[in-house]
Amino acid sequence: MALGLIGAGALAVPVLTASSAYALAGAFGWKEGLSRNPARAPKFYFTIAVGTLIGMEINFVGLSPVSALFWSAVINGVLAPFVLVALMLIANNPKVMGAEVNGVGLNVLGWATTAVMALSAVCLFVFWGH
């Protein structure tokens, strides 16, 4: 079991750091890609290196990995309604989406999902510790 968990972690770190590097490169317009030479995409590879080092340091600073996963899930749950609002506003903006803006059905589903996520985040704080 322990070897399986260690193996899964060893596989997850490169995937997570590379996906973060791709996301940042896309957001900031950096040259990116594992097929590129590090000299041609230095910010991309720097992001991978920093992410890997942060992942390694978690073991040495005494932070519980389970606690880190718990708190990252809480943060994601609290931030999700804000991300969904932004997504819905973008999906309904003809300047961004052109003729492909959301229809009525997708709007109802999207805003309902946003409301449920917002209510869940509020309930988290209201009922925490009860």
C-alpha atoms as a PDB file:
ATOM      1  CA  MET A   1       0.000   0.000   0.000  1.00  0.00           C
ATOM      2  CA  ALA A   2       2.763   2.417   0.968  1.00  0.00           C
ATOM      3  CA  LEU A   3       4.675   1.713  -2.235  1.00  0.00           C
ATOM      4  CA  GLY A   4       1.517   2.350  -4.241  1.00  0.00           C
ATOM      5  CA  LEU A   5       0.942   5.707  -2.529  1.00  0.00           C
ATOM      6  CA  ILE A   6       4.559   6.724  -3.017  1.00  0.00           C
ATOM      7  CA  GLY A   7       4.375   5.686  -6.673  1.00  0.00           C
ATOM      8  CA  ALA A   8       1.145   7.635  -7.192  1.00  0.00           C
ATOM      9  CA  GLY A   9       2.711  10.696  -5.579  1.00  0.00           C
ATOM     10  CA  ALA A  10       5.801  10.367  -7.756  1.00  0.00           C
ATOM     11  CA  LEU A  11       3.566  10.302 -10.811  1.00  0.00           C
ATOM     12  CA  ALA A  12       1.332  13.148  -9.628  1.00  0.00           C
ATOM     13  CA  VAL A  13       4.002  15.767  -8.924  1.00  0.00           C
ATOM     14  CA  PRO A  14       5.230  16.097 -12.538  1.00  0.00           C
ATOM     15  CA  VAL A  15       1.662  16.135 -13.862  1.00  0.00           C
ATOM     16  CA  LEU A  16       0.543  18.824 -11.397  1.00  0.00           C
ATOM     17  CA  THR A  17       3.588  21.028 -11.887  1.00  0.00           C
ATOM     18  CA  ALA A  18       3.460  20.733 -15.675  1.00  0.00           C
ATOM     19  CA  SER A  19      -0.272  21.479 -15.789  1.00  0.00           C
ATOM     20  CA  SER A  20       0.305  24.540 -13.594  1.00  0.00           C
ATOM     21  CA  ALA A  21       3.108  25.661 -15.885  1.00  0.00           C
ATOM     22  CA  TYR A  22       0.898  25.226 -18.963  1.00  0.00           C
ATOM     23  CA  ALA A  23      -1.911  27.208 -17.289  1.00  0.00           C
ATOM     24  CA  LEU A  24       0.389  30.084 -16.315  1.00  0.00           C
ATOM     25  CA  ALA A  25       2.072  30.100 -19.717  1.00  0.00           C
ATOM     26  CA  GLY A  26      -1.304  30.275 -21.423  1.00  0.00           C
ATOM     27  CA  ALA A  27      -2.532  33.036 -19.123  1.00  0.00           C
ATOM     28  CA  PHE A  28       0.575  35.196 -19.499  1.00  0.00           C
ATOM     29  CA  GLY A  29       1.474  34.379 -23.094  1.00  0.00           C
ATOM     30  CA  TRP A  30       4.768  32.679 -22.288  1.00  0.00           C
ATOM     31  CA  LYS A  31       6.458  30.285 -24.650  1.00  0.00           C
ATOM     32  CA  GLU A  32       5.573  26.837 -23.390  1.00  0.00           C
ATOM     33  CA  GLY A  33       5.838  23.151 -24.034  1.00  0.00           C
ATOM     34  CA  LEU A  34       7.835  20.203 -22.837  1.00  0.00           C
ATOM     35  CA  SER A  35       9.010  19.767 -26.421  1.00  0.00           C
ATOM     36  CA  ARG A  36      10.796  23.128 -26.214  1.00  0.00           C
ATOM     37  CA  ASN A  37      14.328  23.516 -24.992  1.00  0.00           C
ATOM     38  CA  PRO A  38      14.420  25.071 -21.472  1.00  0.00           C
ATOM     39  CA  ALA A  39      16.436  27.970 -22.885  1.00  0.00           C
ATOM     40  CA  ARG A  40      13.549  28.736 -25.284  1.00  0.00           C
ATOM     41  CA  ALA A  41      10.832  28.554 -22.581  1.00  0.00           C
ATOM     42  CA  PRO A  42      12.557  29.593 -19.339  1.00  0.00           C
ATOM     43  CA  LYS A  43       9.458  30.842 -17.488  1.00  0.00           C
ATOM     44  CA  PHE A  44       7.630  27.614 -18.279  1.00  0.00           C
ATOM     45  CA  TYR A  45      10.440  25.444 -16.928  1.00  0.00           C
ATOM     46  CA  PHE A  46      11.004  27.775 -13.964  1.00  0.00           C
ATOM     47  CA  THR A  47       7.350  27.267 -12.984  1.00  0.00           C
ATOM     48  CA  ILE A  48       7.806  23.497 -13.131  1.00  0.00           C
ATOM     49  CA  ALA A  49      10.946  23.712 -10.986  1.00  0.00           C
ATOM     50  CA  VAL A  50       9.347  25.974  -8.377  1.00  0.00           C
ATOM     51  CA  GLY A  51       6.231  23.784  -8.187  1.00  0.00           C
ATOM     52  CA  THR A  52       8.353  20.681  -7.687  1.00  0.00           C
ATOM     53  CA  LEU A  53      10.409  22.362  -4.968  1.00  0.00           C
ATOM     54  CA  ILE A  54       7.283  23.558  -3.154  1.00  0.00           C
ATOM     55  CA  GLY A  55       5.879  20.032  -3.314  1.00  0.00           C
ATOM     56  CA  MET A  56       9.098  18.654  -1.810  1.00  0.00           C
ATOM     57  CA  GLU A  57       9.263  21.322   0.896  1.00  0.00           C
ATOM     58  CA  ILE A  58       5.804  20.414   2.195  1.00  0.00           C
ATOM     59  CA  ASN A  59       7.371  17.218   3.529  1.00  0.00           C
ATOM     60  CA  PHE A  60      10.101  19.089   5.379  1.00  0.00           C
ATOM     61  CA  VAL A  61       8.108  21.890   7.032  1.00  0.00           C
ATOM     62  CA  GLY A  62       5.832  19.528   8.940  1.00  0.00           C
ATOM     63  CA  LEU A  63       2.653  20.297   7.012  1.00  0.00           C
ATOM     64  CA  SER A  64       0.314  17.331   6.983  1.00  0.00           C
ATOM     65  CA  PRO A  65      -0.514  16.333   3.397  1.00  0.00           C
ATOM     66  CA  VAL A  66      -4.038  15.345   4.455  1.00  0.00           C
ATOM     67  CA  SER A  67      -4.528  18.731   6.123  1.00  0.00           C
ATOM     68  CA  ALA A  68      -3.222  20.474   3.004  1.00  0.00           C
ATOM     69  CA  LEU A  69      -5.686  18.526   0.847  1.00  0.00           C
ATOM     70  CA  PHE A  70      -8.536  19.377   3.221  1.00  0.00           C
ATOM     71  CA  TRP A  71      -7.798  23.101   3.245  1.00  0.00           C
ATOM     72  CA  SER A  72      -7.271  23.246  -0.507  1.00  0.00           C
ATOM     73  CA  ALA A  73     -10.706  21.633  -0.942  1.00  0.00           C
ATOM     74  CA  VAL A  74     -12.253  24.199   1.428  1.00  0.00           C
ATOM     75  CA  ILE A  75     -10.608  27.073  -0.455  1.00  0.00           C
ATOM     76  CA  ASN A  76     -11.737  25.640  -3.800  1.00  0.00           C
ATOM     77  CA  GLY A  77     -15.302  25.300  -2.521  1.00  0.00           C
ATOM     78  CA  VAL A  78     -15.393  28.875  -1.253  1.00  0.00           C
ATOM     79  CA  LEU A  79     -13.909  30.301  -4.466  1.00  0.00           C
ATOM     80  CA  ALA A  80     -16.027  28.184  -6.839  1.00  0.00           C
ATOM     81  CA  PRO A  81     -19.094  30.494  -6.804  1.00  0.00           C
ATOM     82  CA  PHE A  82     -16.951  33.467  -7.821  1.00  0.00           C
ATOM     83  CA  VAL A  83     -15.377  31.482 -10.662  1.00  0.00           C
ATOM     84  CA  LEU A  84     -18.824  30.328 -11.783  1.00  0.00           C
ATOM     85  CA  VAL A  85     -20.162  33.904 -11.797  1.00  0.00           C
ATOM     86  CA  ALA A  86     -17.228  34.986 -13.979  1.00  0.00           C
ATOM     87  CA  LEU A  87     -17.774  31.985 -16.252  1.00  0.00           C
ATOM     88  CA  MET A  88     -21.476  32.741 -16.633  1.00  0.00           C
ATOM     89  CA  LEU A  89     -20.806  36.408 -17.404  1.00  0.00           C
ATOM     90  CA  ILE A  90     -18.253  35.455 -20.049  1.00  0.00           C
ATOM     91  CA  ALA A  91     -20.524  32.773 -21.535  1.00  0.00           C
ATOM     92  CA  ASN A  92     -23.304  35.365 -21.949  1.00  0.00           C
ATOM     93  CA  ASN A  93     -21.139  38.152 -23.385  1.00  0.00           C
ATOM     94  CA  PRO A  94     -21.559  38.430 -27.168  1.00  0.00           C
ATOM     95  CA  LYS A  95     -18.321  40.434 -27.425  1.00  0.00           C
ATOM     96  CA  VAL A  96     -16.460  37.373 -26.159  1.00  0.00           C
ATOM     97  CA  MET A  97     -18.631  34.500 -27.391  1.00  0.00           C
ATOM     98  CA  GLY A  98     -20.081  35.992 -30.578  1.00  0.00           C
ATOM     99  CA  ALA A  99     -23.126  34.006 -31.684  1.00  0.00           C
ATOM    100  CA  GLU A 100     -22.270  31.160 -29.303  1.00  0.00           C
ATOM    101  CA  VAL A 101     -23.634  32.776 -26.124  1.00  0.00           C
ATOM    102  CA  ASN A 102     -25.521  30.554 -23.687  1.00  0.00           C
ATOM    103  CA  GLY A 103     -29.110  29.684 -24.438  1.00  0.00           C
ATOM    104  CA  VAL A 104     -31.903  29.745 -21.870  1.00  0.00           C
ATOM    105  CA  GLY A 105     -31.368  26.136 -20.770  1.00  0.00           C
ATOM    106  CA  LEU A 106     -27.653  26.558 -20.164  1.00  0.00           C
ATOM    107  CA  ASN A 107     -28.273  29.840 -18.352  1.00  0.00           C
ATOM    108  CA  VAL A 108     -30.796  28.215 -16.015  1.00  0.00           C
ATOM    109  CA  LEU A 109     -28.451  25.292 -15.349  1.00  0.00           C
ATOM    110  CA  GLY A 110     -25.380  27.521 -14.956  1.00  0.00           C
ATOM    111  CA  TRP A 111     -26.980  30.034 -12.600  1.00  0.00           C
ATOM    112  CA  ALA A 112     -28.623  27.224 -10.597  1.00  0.00           C
ATOM    113  CA  THR A 113     -25.230  25.564 -10.195  1.00  0.00           C
ATOM    114  CA  THR A 114     -23.735  28.886  -9.129  1.00  0.00           C
ATOM    115  CA  ALA A 115     -26.506  29.396  -6.567  1.00  0.00           C
ATOM    116  CA  VAL A 116     -26.085  25.880  -5.139  1.00  0.00           C
ATOM    117  CA  MET A 117     -22.319  26.374  -4.833  1.00  0.00           C
ATOM    118  CA  ALA A 118     -22.779  29.774  -3.175  1.00  0.00           C
ATOM    119  CA  LEU A 119     -25.335  28.339  -0.751  1.00  0.00           C
ATOM    120  CA  SER A 120     -22.962  25.462   0.032  1.00  0.00           C
ATOM    121  CA  ALA A 121     -20.139  27.899   0.789  1.00  0.00           C
ATOM    122  CA  VAL A 122     -22.411  29.955   3.060  1.00  0.00           C
ATOM    123  CA  CYS A 123     -23.566  26.785   4.849  1.00  0.00           C
ATOM    124  CA  LEU A 124     -19.954  25.784   5.370  1.00  0.00           C
ATOM    125  CA  PHE A 125     -19.347  28.892   7.441  1.00  0.00           C
ATOM    126  CA  VAL A 126     -22.727  28.881   9.177  1.00  0.00           C
ATOM    127  CA  PHE A 127     -22.526  25.261  10.306  1.00  0.00           C
ATOM    128  CA  TRP A 128     -18.751  24.934  10.818  1.00  0.00           C
ATOM    129  CA  GLY A 129     -18.116  23.314  14.166  1.00  0.00           C
ATOM    130  CA  HIS A 130     -21.751  22.497  14.987  1.00  0.00           C
END
